[in-house]
């Protein structure tokens, strides 16, 4: 992995790892739906400003209607439904237990990719899936 990739990985871990703590603090006084609305609105504003000031808006002509529909579906699934259920779950329990359990979503991706995208199940992928399931069982019992 290049130095840039390692830096981006570490920053991602920092950003995603610290965010649930802030969310848990806010969820003490705010409903999951309102918390998600505020969080998403601020993120959307930051994204719009970044696209406008970075020049990325010039790429919009390359976006097809199919791209918009696929990204909209992804936004509804992950950005709204997934985050809403995650916030609702986070409000009910310990962040240190909930976050690792919800971080098992790559297991769902791997299984759906096998069925829907007809990706191959290699021995190494099967081992990774089994490790993920084992980790979930250990976390659930902790």
Protein backbone atom coordinates (compact mmCIF):
# COMPACT_ATOMS: atom_id res chain seq x y z
CA UNK A 1 0.00 0.00 0.00
CA UNK A 2 1.35 3.42 -0.93
CA UNK A 3 1.98 6.15 1.61
CA UNK A 4 -1.04 8.06 0.33
CA UNK A 5 -3.25 4.98 0.67
CA UNK A 6 -2.06 4.36 4.24
CA UNK A 7 -2.74 8.00 5.14
CA UNK A 8 -6.22 7.84 3.64
CA UNK A 9 -6.90 4.54 5.44
CA UNK A 10 -5.79 5.95 8.80
CA UNK A 11 -7.86 9.10 8.31
CA UNK A 12 -10.89 6.98 7.39
CA UNK A 13 -10.42 4.93 10.55
CA UNK A 14 -10.13 8.12 12.61
CA UNK A 15 -13.18 9.77 11.05
CA UNK A 16 -15.40 6.67 11.10
CA UNK A 17 -14.09 5.56 14.48
CA UNK A 18 -14.75 8.86 16.26
CA UNK A 19 -18.10 9.64 14.62
CA UNK A 20 -20.14 7.05 16.59
CA UNK A 21 -19.00 8.64 19.86
CA UNK A 22 -20.37 12.02 18.76
CA UNK A 23 -23.56 10.38 17.50
CA UNK A 24 -24.03 8.49 20.77
CA UNK A 25 -23.65 11.74 22.70
CA UNK A 26 -26.22 13.52 20.52
CA UNK A 27 -28.66 10.61 20.64
CA UNK A 28 -29.04 11.06 24.40
CA UNK A 29 -31.18 14.13 23.77
CA UNK A 30 -32.26 13.81 20.13
CA UNK A 31 -34.39 11.25 18.29
CA UNK A 32 -32.61 9.08 15.71
CA UNK A 33 -34.62 10.64 12.86
CA UNK A 34 -33.81 14.23 13.84
CA UNK A 35 -30.16 13.36 14.49
CA UNK A 36 -29.87 11.75 11.07
CA UNK A 37 -31.55 14.75 9.44
CA UNK A 38 -29.15 17.23 11.03
CA UNK A 39 -26.09 15.07 10.32
CA UNK A 40 -27.06 14.44 6.71
CA UNK A 41 -28.03 18.06 6.04
CA UNK A 42 -24.68 19.36 7.25
CA UNK A 43 -22.84 16.67 5.26
CA UNK A 44 -24.88 17.49 2.14
CA UNK A 45 -24.08 21.19 2.46
CA UNK A 46 -20.38 20.39 2.89
CA UNK A 47 -20.49 18.14 -0.18
CA UNK A 48 -22.26 20.71 -2.34
CA UNK A 49 -19.77 23.41 -1.40
CA UNK A 50 -16.83 21.06 -2.00
CA UNK A 51 -18.15 20.05 -5.44
CA UNK A 52 -18.73 23.67 -6.41
CA UNK A 53 -15.36 24.97 -5.22
CA UNK A 54 -13.28 21.99 -6.35
CA UNK A 55 -14.45 22.11 -9.95
CA UNK A 56 -15.98 18.65 -9.76
CA UNK A 57 -19.32 20.11 -10.89
CA UNK A 58 -17.96 20.11 -14.45
CA UNK A 59 -18.21 16.30 -14.42
CA UNK A 60 -22.02 16.40 -14.13
CA UNK A 61 -22.48 16.12 -17.90
CA UNK A 62 -20.99 12.61 -17.78
CA UNK A 63 -23.60 11.38 -15.28
CA UNK A 64 -26.34 9.28 -16.89
CA UNK A 65 -29.92 8.79 -15.70
CA UNK A 66 -28.96 5.22 -14.78
CA UNK A 67 -26.09 6.52 -12.63
CA UNK A 68 -28.48 8.87 -10.84
CA UNK A 69 -30.99 6.07 -10.18
CA UNK A 70 -28.33 3.66 -8.93
CA UNK A 71 -26.74 6.28 -6.67
CA UNK A 72 -30.17 7.39 -5.44
CA UNK A 73 -31.02 3.80 -4.54
CA UNK A 74 -27.71 3.49 -2.72
CA UNK A 75 -28.40 6.76 -0.89
CA UNK A 76 -31.82 5.53 0.22
CA UNK A 77 -30.50 2.14 1.33
CA UNK A 78 -27.30 3.23 3.09
CA UNK A 79 -27.63 6.96 3.63
CA UNK A 80 -31.19 6.94 4.91
CA UNK A 81 -32.50 3.49 5.87
CA UNK A 82 -29.17 2.05 7.00
CA UNK A 83 -28.18 5.14 8.96
CA UNK A 84 -31.65 5.47 10.50
CA UNK A 85 -31.64 1.88 11.74
CA UNK A 86 -28.02 2.31 12.87
CA UNK A 87 -28.85 5.48 14.83
CA UNK A 88 -31.88 3.76 16.35
CA UNK A 89 -29.71 0.82 17.37
CA UNK A 90 -26.93 3.08 18.67
CA UNK A 91 -29.45 4.83 20.92
CA UNK A 92 -30.35 1.48 22.55
CA UNK A 93 -26.94 0.21 23.66
CA UNK A 94 -23.21 0.50 24.05
CA UNK A 95 -21.34 2.02 21.11
CA UNK A 96 -18.34 -0.25 21.72
CA UNK A 97 -20.56 -3.29 21.14
CA UNK A 98 -22.95 -2.00 18.48
CA UNK A 99 -20.46 -0.42 16.08
CA UNK A 100 -18.38 -3.58 15.51
CA UNK A 101 -21.57 -5.62 15.00
CA UNK A 102 -22.89 -3.21 12.39
CA UNK A 103 -19.46 -3.09 10.75
CA UNK A 104 -20.09 -6.65 9.58
CA UNK A 105 -21.96 -5.30 6.54
CA UNK A 106 -19.18 -6.50 4.16
CA UNK A 107 -20.46 -10.01 4.93
CA UNK A 108 -23.80 -9.06 3.35
CA UNK A 109 -21.98 -7.46 0.42
CA UNK A 110 -19.90 -10.60 -0.12
CA UNK A 111 -22.93 -12.89 -0.03
CA UNK A 112 -25.01 -10.66 -2.32
CA UNK A 113 -22.07 -10.34 -4.75
CA UNK A 114 -21.90 -14.12 -4.96
CA UNK A 115 -25.61 -14.38 -5.78
CA UNK A 116 -26.35 -11.20 -7.77
CA UNK A 117 -23.02 -10.46 -9.45
CA UNK A 118 -22.03 -14.13 -9.78
CA UNK A 119 -18.65 -13.47 -8.18
CA UNK A 120 -16.60 -16.54 -7.37
CA UNK A 121 -16.35 -17.99 -3.88
CA UNK A 122 -12.65 -18.62 -3.43
CA UNK A 123 -11.29 -20.53 -0.45
CA UNK A 124 -9.80 -17.30 0.91
CA UNK A 125 -13.14 -15.45 0.64
CA UNK A 126 -14.93 -18.35 2.32
CA UNK A 127 -12.37 -18.20 5.12
CA UNK A 128 -12.95 -14.44 5.48
CA UNK A 129 -16.72 -14.98 5.64
CA UNK A 130 -16.29 -17.64 8.30
CA UNK A 131 -13.95 -15.36 10.29
CA UNK A 132 -16.53 -12.57 10.11
CA UNK A 133 -19.28 -14.87 11.36
CA UNK A 134 -16.99 -16.09 14.15
CA UNK A 135 -16.24 -12.51 15.13
CA UNK A 136 -19.94 -11.68 15.27
CA UNK A 137 -20.59 -14.63 17.54
CA UNK A 138 -17.74 -13.60 19.85
CA UNK A 139 -18.96 -9.98 19.97
CA UNK A 140 -22.53 -11.06 20.66
CA UNK A 141 -21.39 -13.13 23.62
CA UNK A 142 -19.15 -10.44 25.09
